Amino acid sequence: FLVCQAGNIMTMPGLSKSPAAYNIDIDEN
């Protein structure tokens, strides 16, 4: 492919500022 970028775009995806992993845990059971 010939890849053309339009507008202001980051082609390498990134994680959010607060990844969901922060909220995952294992309870006492």
mmCIF file of all heavy atoms, coordinates in Angstrom:
data_MODEL
# 
_entry.id   MODEL 
# 
loop_
_atom_site.group_PDB 
_atom_site.id 
_atom_site.type_symbol 
_atom_site.label_atom_id 
_atom_site.label_alt_id 
_atom_site.label_comp_id 
_atom_site.label_asym_id 
_atom_site.label_entity_id 
_atom_site.label_seq_id 
_atom_site.pdbx_PDB_ins_code 
_atom_site.Cartn_x 
_atom_site.Cartn_y 
_atom_site.Cartn_z 
_atom_site.occupancy 
_atom_site.B_iso_or_equiv 
_atom_site.pdbx_formal_charge 
_atom_site.auth_seq_id 
_atom_site.auth_comp_id 
_atom_site.auth_asym_id 
_atom_site.auth_atom_id 
_atom_site.pdbx_PDB_model_num 
ATOM 1   N N   . PHE A 1 1  ? 0.821   -1.210  0.000  1.00 0.00 ? 1  PHE A N   1 
ATOM 2   C CA  . PHE A 1 1  ? 0.000   0.000   0.000  1.00 0.00 ? 1  PHE A CA  1 
ATOM 3   C C   . PHE A 1 1  ? 0.851   1.255   0.000  1.00 0.00 ? 1  PHE A C   1 
ATOM 4   O O   . PHE A 1 1  ? 1.925   1.287   0.608  1.00 0.00 ? 1  PHE A O   1 
ATOM 5   C CB  . PHE A 1 1  ? -0.883  0.058   1.256  1.00 0.00 ? 1  PHE A CB  1 
ATOM 6   C CG  . PHE A 1 1  ? -2.050  -0.874  1.249  1.00 0.00 ? 1  PHE A CG  1 
ATOM 7   C CD1 . PHE A 1 1  ? -1.956  -2.115  1.856  1.00 0.00 ? 1  PHE A CD1 1 
ATOM 8   C CD2 . PHE A 1 1  ? -3.251  -0.522  0.654  1.00 0.00 ? 1  PHE A CD2 1 
ATOM 9   C CE1 . PHE A 1 1  ? -3.032  -2.992  1.883  1.00 0.00 ? 1  PHE A CE1 1 
ATOM 10  C CE2 . PHE A 1 1  ? -4.334  -1.386  0.662  1.00 0.00 ? 1  PHE A CE2 1 
ATOM 11  C CZ  . PHE A 1 1  ? -4.225  -2.621  1.273  1.00 0.00 ? 1  PHE A CZ  1 
ATOM 12  N N   . LEU A 1 2  ? 0.338   2.286   -0.659 1.00 0.00 ? 2  LEU A N   1 
ATOM 13  C CA  . LEU A 1 2  ? 0.865   3.626   -0.488 1.00 0.00 ? 2  LEU A CA  1 
ATOM 14  C C   . LEU A 1 2  ? -0.007  4.251   0.593  1.00 0.00 ? 2  LEU A C   1 
ATOM 15  O O   . LEU A 1 2  ? -1.214  4.394   0.412  1.00 0.00 ? 2  LEU A O   1 
ATOM 16  C CB  . LEU A 1 2  ? 0.777   4.441   -1.774 1.00 0.00 ? 2  LEU A CB  1 
ATOM 17  C CG  . LEU A 1 2  ? 1.247   5.899   -1.660 1.00 0.00 ? 2  LEU A CG  1 
ATOM 18  C CD1 . LEU A 1 2  ? 2.725   5.955   -1.293 1.00 0.00 ? 2  LEU A CD1 1 
ATOM 19  C CD2 . LEU A 1 2  ? 0.993   6.658   -2.951 1.00 0.00 ? 2  LEU A CD2 1 
ATOM 20  N N   . VAL A 1 3  ? 0.580   4.574   1.737  1.00 0.00 ? 3  VAL A N   1 
ATOM 21  C CA  . VAL A 1 3  ? -0.188  5.072   2.879  1.00 0.00 ? 3  VAL A CA  1 
ATOM 22  C C   . VAL A 1 3  ? -0.101  6.590   2.951  1.00 0.00 ? 3  VAL A C   1 
ATOM 23  O O   . VAL A 1 3  ? 0.992   7.159   3.063  1.00 0.00 ? 3  VAL A O   1 
ATOM 24  C CB  . VAL A 1 3  ? 0.331   4.467   4.194  1.00 0.00 ? 3  VAL A CB  1 
ATOM 25  C CG1 . VAL A 1 3  ? -0.495  4.984   5.374  1.00 0.00 ? 3  VAL A CG1 1 
ATOM 26  C CG2 . VAL A 1 3  ? 0.273   2.943   4.139  1.00 0.00 ? 3  VAL A CG2 1 
ATOM 27  N N   . CYS A 1 4  ? -1.252  7.236   2.884  1.00 0.00 ? 4  CYS A N   1 
ATOM 28  C CA  . CYS A 1 4  ? -1.321  8.692   2.957  1.00 0.00 ? 4  CYS A CA  1 
ATOM 29  C C   . CYS A 1 4  ? -2.002  9.111   4.251  1.00 0.00 ? 4  CYS A C   1 
ATOM 30  O O   . CYS A 1 4  ? -3.044  8.569   4.620  1.00 0.00 ? 4  CYS A O   1 
ATOM 31  C CB  . CYS A 1 4  ? -2.100  9.257   1.773  1.00 0.00 ? 4  CYS A CB  1 
ATOM 32  S SG  . CYS A 1 4  ? -1.307  8.967   0.177  1.00 0.00 ? 4  CYS A SG  1 
ATOM 33  N N   . GLN A 1 5  ? -1.402  10.059  4.955  1.00 0.00 ? 5  GLN A N   1 
ATOM 34  C CA  . GLN A 1 5  ? -1.990  10.566  6.182  1.00 0.00 ? 5  GLN A CA  1 
ATOM 35  C C   . GLN A 1 5  ? -2.765  11.839  5.882  1.00 0.00 ? 5  GLN A C   1 
ATOM 36  O O   . GLN A 1 5  ? -2.290  12.709  5.148  1.00 0.00 ? 5  GLN A O   1 
ATOM 37  C CB  . GLN A 1 5  ? -0.903  10.842  7.223  1.00 0.00 ? 5  GLN A CB  1 
ATOM 38  C CG  . GLN A 1 5  ? -0.191  9.588   7.693  1.00 0.00 ? 5  GLN A CG  1 
ATOM 39  C CD  . GLN A 1 5  ? 0.947   9.881   8.649  1.00 0.00 ? 5  GLN A CD  1 
ATOM 40  O OE1 . GLN A 1 5  ? 1.980   9.209   8.639  1.00 0.00 ? 5  GLN A OE1 1 
ATOM 41  N NE2 . GLN A 1 5  ? 0.771   10.886  9.487  1.00 0.00 ? 5  GLN A NE2 1 
ATOM 42  N N   . ALA A 1 6  ? -3.959  11.932  6.449  1.00 0.00 ? 6  ALA A N   1 
ATOM 43  C CA  . ALA A 1 6  ? -4.811  13.103  6.247  1.00 0.00 ? 6  ALA A CA  1 
ATOM 44  C C   . ALA A 1 6  ? -5.012  13.815  7.570  1.00 0.00 ? 6  ALA A C   1 
ATOM 45  O O   . ALA A 1 6  ? -5.411  13.193  8.562  1.00 0.00 ? 6  ALA A O   1 
ATOM 46  C CB  . ALA A 1 6  ? -6.153  12.691  5.661  1.00 0.00 ? 6  ALA A CB  1 
ATOM 47  N N   . GLY A 1 7  ? -4.726  15.105  7.598  1.00 0.00 ? 7  GLY A N   1 
ATOM 48  C CA  . GLY A 1 7  ? -4.879  15.865  8.825  1.00 0.00 ? 7  GLY A CA  1 
ATOM 49  C C   . GLY A 1 7  ? -3.826  15.484  9.858  1.00 0.00 ? 7  GLY A C   1 
ATOM 50  O O   . GLY A 1 7  ? -2.789  14.909  9.541  1.00 0.00 ? 7  GLY A O   1 
ATOM 51  N N   . ASN A 1 8  ? -4.127  15.790  11.118 1.00 0.00 ? 8  ASN A N   1 
ATOM 52  C CA  . ASN A 1 8  ? -3.195  15.506  12.211 1.00 0.00 ? 8  ASN A CA  1 
ATOM 53  C C   . ASN A 1 8  ? -3.549  14.152  12.818 1.00 0.00 ? 8  ASN A C   1 
ATOM 54  O O   . ASN A 1 8  ? -4.518  14.026  13.565 1.00 0.00 ? 8  ASN A O   1 
ATOM 55  C CB  . ASN A 1 8  ? -3.299  16.605  13.270 1.00 0.00 ? 8  ASN A CB  1 
ATOM 56  C CG  . ASN A 1 8  ? -2.305  16.422  14.396 1.00 0.00 ? 8  ASN A CG  1 
ATOM 57  O OD1 . ASN A 1 8  ? -1.317  15.689  14.254 1.00 0.00 ? 8  ASN A OD1 1 
ATOM 58  N ND2 . ASN A 1 8  ? -2.554  17.075  15.521 1.00 0.00 ? 8  ASN A ND2 1 
ATOM 59  N N   . ILE A 1 9  ? -2.795  13.117  12.499 1.00 0.00 ? 9  ILE A N   1 
ATOM 60  C CA  . ILE A 1 9  ? -3.119  11.769  12.940 1.00 0.00 ? 9  ILE A CA  1 
ATOM 61  C C   . ILE A 1 9  ? -1.862  11.029  13.377 1.00 0.00 ? 9  ILE A C   1 
ATOM 62  O O   . ILE A 1 9  ? -0.822  11.118  12.725 1.00 0.00 ? 9  ILE A O   1 
ATOM 63  C CB  . ILE A 1 9  ? -3.862  10.977  11.825 1.00 0.00 ? 9  ILE A CB  1 
ATOM 64  C CG1 . ILE A 1 9  ? -4.219  9.560   12.281 1.00 0.00 ? 9  ILE A CG1 1 
ATOM 65  C CG2 . ILE A 1 9  ? -3.026  10.941  10.553 1.00 0.00 ? 9  ILE A CG2 1 
ATOM 66  C CD1 . ILE A 1 9  ? -5.273  9.495   13.318 1.00 0.00 ? 9  ILE A CD1 1 
ATOM 67  N N   . MET A 1 10 ? -1.962  10.308  14.495 1.00 0.00 ? 10 MET A N   1 
ATOM 68  C CA  . MET A 1 10 ? -0.861  9.472   14.966 1.00 0.00 ? 10 MET A CA  1 
ATOM 69  C C   . MET A 1 10 ? -1.160  8.045   14.525 1.00 0.00 ? 10 MET A C   1 
ATOM 70  O O   . MET A 1 10 ? -2.183  7.470   14.907 1.00 0.00 ? 10 MET A O   1 
ATOM 71  C CB  . MET A 1 10 ? -0.745  9.531   16.493 1.00 0.00 ? 10 MET A CB  1 
ATOM 72  C CG  . MET A 1 10 ? 0.398   8.691   17.047 1.00 0.00 ? 10 MET A CG  1 
ATOM 73  S SD  . MET A 1 10 ? 0.591   8.868   18.844 1.00 0.00 ? 10 MET A SD  1 
ATOM 74  C CE  . MET A 1 10 ? -0.943  8.117   19.418 1.00 0.00 ? 10 MET A CE  1 
ATOM 75  N N   . THR A 1 11 ? -0.286  7.471   13.713 1.00 0.00 ? 11 THR A N   1 
ATOM 76  C CA  . THR A 1 11 ? -0.554  6.141   13.164 1.00 0.00 ? 11 THR A CA  1 
ATOM 77  C C   . THR A 1 11 ? -0.178  5.018   14.115 1.00 0.00 ? 11 THR A C   1 
ATOM 78  O O   . THR A 1 11 ? -0.594  3.885   13.925 1.00 0.00 ? 11 THR A O   1 
ATOM 79  C CB  . THR A 1 11 ? 0.193   5.946   11.830 1.00 0.00 ? 11 THR A CB  1 
ATOM 80  O OG1 . THR A 1 11 ? 1.588   6.199   12.023 1.00 0.00 ? 11 THR A OG1 1 
ATOM 81  C CG2 . THR A 1 11 ? -0.354  6.899   10.773 1.00 0.00 ? 11 THR A CG2 1 
ATOM 82  N N   . MET A 1 12 ? 0.602   5.300   15.146 1.00 0.00 ? 12 MET A N   1 
ATOM 83  C CA  . MET A 1 12 ? 0.941   4.289   16.138 1.00 0.00 ? 12 MET A CA  1 
ATOM 84  C C   . MET A 1 12 ? -0.018  4.425   17.317 1.00 0.00 ? 12 MET A C   1 
ATOM 85  O O   . MET A 1 12 ? -0.004  5.434   18.014 1.00 0.00 ? 12 MET A O   1 
ATOM 86  C CB  . MET A 1 12 ? 2.378   4.447   16.624 1.00 0.00 ? 12 MET A CB  1 
ATOM 87  C CG  . MET A 1 12 ? 2.774   3.452   17.724 1.00 0.00 ? 12 MET A CG  1 
ATOM 88  S SD  . MET A 1 12 ? 2.693   1.733   17.194 1.00 0.00 ? 12 MET A SD  1 
ATOM 89  C CE  . MET A 1 12 ? 4.132   1.659   16.118 1.00 0.00 ? 12 MET A CE  1 
ATOM 90  N N   . PRO A 1 13 ? -0.896  3.431   17.543 1.00 0.00 ? 13 PRO A N   1 
ATOM 91  C CA  . PRO A 1 13 ? -1.875  3.561   18.638 1.00 0.00 ? 13 PRO A CA  1 
ATOM 92  C C   . PRO A 1 13 ? -1.199  3.564   20.000 1.00 0.00 ? 13 PRO A C   1 
ATOM 93  O O   . PRO A 1 13 ? -0.127  2.989   20.177 1.00 0.00 ? 13 PRO A O   1 
ATOM 94  C CB  . PRO A 1 13 ? -2.760  2.319   18.457 1.00 0.00 ? 13 PRO A CB  1 
ATOM 95  C CG  . PRO A 1 13 ? -1.865  1.322   17.773 1.00 0.00 ? 13 PRO A CG  1 
ATOM 96  C CD  . PRO A 1 13 ? -1.007  2.146   16.836 1.00 0.00 ? 13 PRO A CD  1 
ATOM 97  N N   . GLY A 1 14 ? -1.839  4.219   20.959 1.00 0.00 ? 14 GLY A N   1 
ATOM 98  C CA  . GLY A 1 14 ? -1.293  4.289   22.307 1.00 0.00 ? 14 GLY A CA  1 
ATOM 99  C C   . GLY A 1 14 ? -2.337  3.946   23.345 1.00 0.00 ? 14 GLY A C   1 
ATOM 100 O O   . GLY A 1 14 ? -3.527  3.913   23.052 1.00 0.00 ? 14 GLY A O   1 
ATOM 101 N N   . LEU A 1 15 ? -1.901  3.681   24.552 1.00 0.00 ? 15 LEU A N   1 
ATOM 102 C CA  . LEU A 1 15 ? -2.819  3.396   25.646 1.00 0.00 ? 15 LEU A CA  1 
ATOM 103 C C   . LEU A 1 15 ? -3.449  4.699   26.141 1.00 0.00 ? 15 LEU A C   1 
ATOM 104 O O   . LEU A 1 15 ? -2.928  5.793   25.921 1.00 0.00 ? 15 LEU A O   1 
ATOM 105 C CB  . LEU A 1 15 ? -2.075  2.717   26.795 1.00 0.00 ? 15 LEU A CB  1 
ATOM 106 C CG  . LEU A 1 15 ? -1.534  1.307   26.537 1.00 0.00 ? 15 LEU A CG  1 
ATOM 107 C CD1 . LEU A 1 15 ? -0.674  0.864   27.713 1.00 0.00 ? 15 LEU A CD1 1 
ATOM 108 C CD2 . LEU A 1 15 ? -2.687  0.337   26.314 1.00 0.00 ? 15 LEU A CD2 1 
ATOM 109 N N   . SER A 1 16 ? -4.579  4.556   26.845 1.00 0.00 ? 16 SER A N   1 
ATOM 110 C CA  . SER A 1 16 ? -5.205  5.726   27.448 1.00 0.00 ? 16 SER A CA  1 
ATOM 111 C C   . SER A 1 16 ? -4.346  6.195   28.619 1.00 0.00 ? 16 SER A C   1 
ATOM 112 O O   . SER A 1 16 ? -3.428  5.495   29.062 1.00 0.00 ? 16 SER A O   1 
ATOM 113 C CB  . SER A 1 16 ? -6.607  5.364   27.944 1.00 0.00 ? 16 SER A CB  1 
ATOM 114 O OG  . SER A 1 16 ? -6.525  4.414   28.991 1.00 0.00 ? 16 SER A OG  1 
ATOM 115 N N   . LYS A 1 17 ? -4.647  7.384   29.133 1.00 0.00 ? 17 LYS A N   1 
ATOM 116 C CA  . LYS A 1 17 ? -3.879  7.922   30.253 1.00 0.00 ? 17 LYS A CA  1 
ATOM 117 C C   . LYS A 1 17 ? -4.068  7.077   31.505 1.00 0.00 ? 17 LYS A C   1 
ATOM 118 O O   . LYS A 1 17 ? -3.217  7.059   32.390 1.00 0.00 ? 17 LYS A O   1 
ATOM 119 C CB  . LYS A 1 17 ? -4.302  9.365   30.514 1.00 0.00 ? 17 LYS A CB  1 
ATOM 120 C CG  . LYS A 1 17 ? -3.933  10.320  29.388 1.00 0.00 ? 17 LYS A CG  1 
ATOM 121 C CD  . LYS A 1 17 ? -4.368  11.739  29.713 1.00 0.00 ? 17 LYS A CD  1 
ATOM 122 C CE  . LYS A 1 17 ? -3.993  12.691  28.581 1.00 0.00 ? 17 LYS A CE  1 
ATOM 123 N NZ  . LYS A 1 17 ? -4.426  14.082  28.857 1.00 0.00 ? 17 LYS A NZ  1 
ATOM 124 N N   . SER A 1 18 ? -5.217  6.385   31.585 1.00 0.00 ? 18 SER A N   1 
ATOM 125 C CA  . SER A 1 18 ? -5.490  5.533   32.741 1.00 0.00 ? 18 SER A CA  1 
ATOM 126 C C   . SER A 1 18 ? -5.940  4.167   32.240 1.00 0.00 ? 18 SER A C   1 
ATOM 127 O O   . SER A 1 18 ? -7.132  3.906   32.092 1.00 0.00 ? 18 SER A O   1 
ATOM 128 C CB  . SER A 1 18 ? -6.580  6.161   33.623 1.00 0.00 ? 18 SER A CB  1 
ATOM 129 O OG  . SER A 1 18 ? -6.859  5.321   34.739 1.00 0.00 ? 18 SER A OG  1 
ATOM 130 N N   . PRO A 1 19 ? -5.002  3.242   31.947 1.00 0.00 ? 19 PRO A N   1 
ATOM 131 C CA  . PRO A 1 19 ? -5.346  1.926   31.412 1.00 0.00 ? 19 PRO A CA  1 
ATOM 132 C C   . PRO A 1 19 ? -6.308  1.160   32.316 1.00 0.00 ? 19 PRO A C   1 
ATOM 133 O O   . PRO A 1 19 ? -6.290  1.314   33.542 1.00 0.00 ? 19 PRO A O   1 
ATOM 134 C CB  . PRO A 1 19 ? -3.988  1.221   31.341 1.00 0.00 ? 19 PRO A CB  1 
ATOM 135 C CG  . PRO A 1 19 ? -2.985  2.324   31.260 1.00 0.00 ? 19 PRO A CG  1 
ATOM 136 C CD  . PRO A 1 19 ? -3.546  3.422   32.101 1.00 0.00 ? 19 PRO A CD  1 
ATOM 137 N N   . ALA A 1 20 ? -7.170  0.336   31.715 1.00 0.00 ? 20 ALA A N   1 
ATOM 138 C CA  . ALA A 1 20 ? -8.148  -0.445  32.467 1.00 0.00 ? 20 ALA A CA  1 
ATOM 139 C C   . ALA A 1 20 ? -7.483  -1.389  33.464 1.00 0.00 ? 20 ALA A C   1 
ATOM 140 O O   . ALA A 1 20 ? -8.096  -1.775  34.469 1.00 0.00 ? 20 ALA A O   1 
ATOM 141 C CB  . ALA A 1 20 ? -9.021  -1.239  31.496 1.00 0.00 ? 20 ALA A CB  1 
ATOM 142 N N   . ALA A 1 21 ? -6.225  -1.742  33.208 1.00 0.00 ? 21 ALA A N   1 
ATOM 143 C CA  . ALA A 1 21 ? -5.502  -2.656  34.104 1.00 0.00 ? 21 ALA A CA  1 
ATOM 144 C C   . ALA A 1 21 ? -5.417  -2.110  35.523 1.00 0.00 ? 21 ALA A C   1 
ATOM 145 O O   . ALA A 1 21 ? -5.313  -2.882  36.486 1.00 0.00 ? 21 ALA A O   1 
ATOM 146 C CB  . ALA A 1 21 ? -4.096  -2.918  33.565 1.00 0.00 ? 21 ALA A CB  1 
ATOM 147 N N   . TYR A 1 22 ? -5.492  -0.783  35.674 1.00 0.00 ? 22 TYR A N   1 
ATOM 148 C CA  . TYR A 1 22 ? -5.437  -0.191  37.005 1.00 0.00 ? 22 TYR A CA  1 
ATOM 149 C C   . TYR A 1 22 ? -6.617  -0.621  37.875 1.00 0.00 ? 22 TYR A C   1 
ATOM 150 O O   . TYR A 1 22 ? -6.535  -0.586  39.108 1.00 0.00 ? 22 TYR A O   1 
ATOM 151 C CB  . TYR A 1 22 ? -5.427  1.332   36.901 1.00 0.00 ? 22 TYR A CB  1 
ATOM 152 C CG  . TYR A 1 22 ? -4.131  1.927   36.396 1.00 0.00 ? 22 TYR A CG  1 
ATOM 153 C CD1 . TYR A 1 22 ? -4.085  3.236   35.934 1.00 0.00 ? 22 TYR A CD1 1 
ATOM 154 C CD2 . TYR A 1 22 ? -2.956  1.189   36.389 1.00 0.00 ? 22 TYR A CD2 1 
ATOM 155 C CE1 . TYR A 1 22 ? -2.900  3.799   35.478 1.00 0.00 ? 22 TYR A CE1 1 
ATOM 156 C CE2 . TYR A 1 22 ? -1.769  1.728   35.930 1.00 0.00 ? 22 TYR A CE2 1 
ATOM 157 C CZ  . TYR A 1 22 ? -1.742  3.038   35.477 1.00 0.00 ? 22 TYR A CZ  1 
ATOM 158 O OH  . TYR A 1 22 ? -0.566  3.579   35.023 1.00 0.00 ? 22 TYR A OH  1 
ATOM 159 N N   . ASN A 1 23 ? -7.734  -0.976  37.226 1.00 0.00 ? 23 ASN A N   1 
ATOM 160 C CA  . ASN A 1 23 ? -8.954  -1.299  37.970 1.00 0.00 ? 23 ASN A CA  1 
ATOM 161 C C   . ASN A 1 23 ? -9.153  -2.802  38.167 1.00 0.00 ? 23 ASN A C   1 
ATOM 162 O O   . ASN A 1 23 ? -10.139 -3.222  38.783 1.00 0.00 ? 23 ASN A O   1 
ATOM 163 C CB  . ASN A 1 23 ? -10.175 -0.730  37.244 1.00 0.00 ? 23 ASN A CB  1 
ATOM 164 C CG  . ASN A 1 23 ? -10.085 0.773   37.072 1.00 0.00 ? 23 ASN A CG  1 
ATOM 165 O OD1 . ASN A 1 23 ? -9.704  1.478   37.997 1.00 0.00 ? 23 ASN A OD1 1 
ATOM 166 N ND2 . ASN A 1 23 ? -10.442 1.267   35.891 1.00 0.00 ? 23 ASN A ND2 1 
ATOM 167 N N   . ILE A 1 24 ? -8.263  -3.614  37.639 1.00 0.00 ? 24 ILE A N   1 
ATOM 168 C CA  . ILE A 1 24 ? -8.417  -5.073  37.735 1.00 0.00 ? 24 ILE A CA  1 
ATOM 169 C C   . ILE A 1 24 ? -7.693  -5.611  38.977 1.00 0.00 ? 24 ILE A C   1 
ATOM 170 O O   . ILE A 1 24 ? -6.565  -5.222  39.266 1.00 0.00 ? 24 ILE A O   1 
ATOM 171 C CB  . ILE A 1 24 ? -7.870  -5.754  36.464 1.00 0.00 ? 24 ILE A CB  1 
ATOM 172 C CG1 . ILE A 1 24 ? -8.622  -5.250  35.227 1.00 0.00 ? 24 ILE A CG1 1 
ATOM 173 C CG2 . ILE A 1 24 ? -8.000  -7.268  36.573 1.00 0.00 ? 24 ILE A CG2 1 
ATOM 174 C CD1 . ILE A 1 24 ? -8.053  -5.754  33.919 1.00 0.00 ? 24 ILE A CD1 1 
ATOM 175 N N   . ASP A 1 25 ? -8.395  -6.501  39.688 1.00 0.00 ? 25 ASP A N   1 
ATOM 176 C CA  . ASP A 1 25 ? -7.813  -7.061  40.900 1.00 0.00 ? 25 ASP A CA  1 
ATOM 177 C C   . ASP A 1 25 ? -8.422  -8.438  41.162 1.00 0.00 ? 25 ASP A C   1 
ATOM 178 O O   . ASP A 1 25 ? -9.295  -8.890  40.415 1.00 0.00 ? 25 ASP A O   1 
ATOM 179 C CB  . ASP A 1 25 ? -8.087  -6.129  42.088 1.00 0.00 ? 25 ASP A CB  1 
ATOM 180 C CG  . ASP A 1 25 ? -7.082  -6.338  43.229 1.00 0.00 ? 25 ASP A CG  1 
ATOM 181 O OD1 . ASP A 1 25 ? -6.311  -7.319  43.182 1.00 0.00 ? 25 ASP A OD1 1 
ATOM 182 O OD2 . ASP A 1 25 ? -7.083  -5.516  44.158 1.00 0.00 ? 25 ASP A OD2 1 
ATOM 183 N N   . ILE A 1 26 ? -7.978  -9.092  42.214 1.00 0.00 ? 26 ILE A N   1 
ATOM 184 C CA  . ILE A 1 26 ? -8.537  -10.378 42.643 1.00 0.00 ? 26 ILE A CA  1 
ATOM 185 C C   . ILE A 1 26 ? -9.025  -10.218 44.085 1.00 0.00 ? 26 ILE A C   1 
ATOM 186 O O   . ILE A 1 26 ? -8.264  -9.763  44.955 1.00 0.00 ? 26 ILE A O   1 
ATOM 187 C CB  . ILE A 1 26 ? -7.483  -11.505 42.570 1.00 0.00 ? 26 ILE A CB  1 
ATOM 188 C CG1 . ILE A 1 26 ? -7.038  -11.699 41.116 1.00 0.00 ? 26 ILE A CG1 1 
ATOM 189 C CG2 . ILE A 1 26 ? -8.053  -12.820 43.116 1.00 0.00 ? 26 ILE A CG2 1 
ATOM 190 C CD1 . ILE A 1 26 ? -5.938  -12.723 40.935 1.00 0.00 ? 26 ILE A CD1 1 
ATOM 191 N N   . ASP A 1 27 ? -10.311 -10.550 44.334 1.00 0.00 ? 27 ASP A N   1 
ATOM 192 C CA  . ASP A 1 27 ? -10.854 -10.378 45.685 1.00 0.00 ? 27 ASP A CA  1 
ATOM 193 C C   . ASP A 1 27 ? -10.445 -11.525 46.600 1.00 0.00 ? 27 ASP A C   1 
ATOM 194 O O   . ASP A 1 27 ? -9.711  -12.448 46.205 1.00 0.00 ? 27 ASP A O   1 
ATOM 195 C CB  . ASP A 1 27 ? -12.379 -10.210 45.633 1.00 0.00 ? 27 ASP A CB  1 
ATOM 196 C CG  . ASP A 1 27 ? -13.099 -11.456 45.134 1.00 0.00 ? 27 ASP A CG  1 
ATOM 197 O OD1 . ASP A 1 27 ? -12.487 -12.546 45.122 1.00 0.00 ? 27 ASP A OD1 1 
ATOM 198 O OD2 . ASP A 1 27 ? -14.283 -11.340 44.756 1.00 0.00 ? 27 ASP A OD2 1 
ATOM 199 N N   . GLU A 1 28 ? -10.951 -11.482 47.854 1.00 0.00 ? 28 GLU A N   1 
ATOM 200 C CA  . GLU A 1 28 ? -10.546 -12.463 48.858 1.00 0.00 ? 28 GLU A CA  1 
ATOM 201 C C   . GLU A 1 28 ? -11.004 -13.881 48.532 1.00 0.00 ? 28 GLU A C   1 
ATOM 202 O O   . GLU A 1 28 ? -10.484 -14.863 49.094 1.00 0.00 ? 28 GLU A O   1 
ATOM 203 C CB  . GLU A 1 28 ? -11.103 -12.061 50.236 1.00 0.00 ? 28 GLU A CB  1 
ATOM 204 C CG  . GLU A 1 28 ? -12.615 -12.004 50.333 1.00 0.00 ? 28 GLU A CG  1 
ATOM 205 C CD  . GLU A 1 28 ? -13.167 -10.667 49.871 1.00 0.00 ? 28 GLU A CD  1 
ATOM 206 O OE1 . GLU A 1 28 ? -12.397 -9.873  49.299 1.00 0.00 ? 28 GLU A OE1 1 
ATOM 207 O OE2 . GLU A 1 28 ? -14.367 -10.418 50.078 1.00 0.00 ? 28 GLU A OE2 1 
ATOM 208 N N   . ASN A 1 29 ? -11.966 -14.014 47.573 1.00 0.00 ? 29 ASN A N   1 
ATOM 209 C CA  . ASN A 1 29 ? -12.445 -15.324 47.175 1.00 0.00 ? 29 ASN A CA  1 
ATOM 210 C C   . ASN A 1 29 ? -11.777 -15.849 45.904 1.00 0.00 ? 29 ASN A C   1 
ATOM 211 O O   . ASN A 1 29 ? -12.162 -16.881 45.376 1.00 0.00 ? 29 ASN A O   1 
ATOM 212 C CB  . ASN A 1 29 ? -13.972 -15.289 46.979 1.00 0.00 ? 29 ASN A CB  1 
ATOM 213 C CG  . ASN A 1 29 ? -14.701 -14.940 48.266 1.00 0.00 ? 29 ASN A CG  1 
ATOM 214 O OD1 . ASN A 1 29 ? -14.392 -15.485 49.323 1.00 0.00 ? 29 ASN A OD1 1 
ATOM 215 N ND2 . ASN A 1 29 ? -15.679 -14.038 48.166 1.00 0.00 ? 29 ASN A ND2 1 
# 
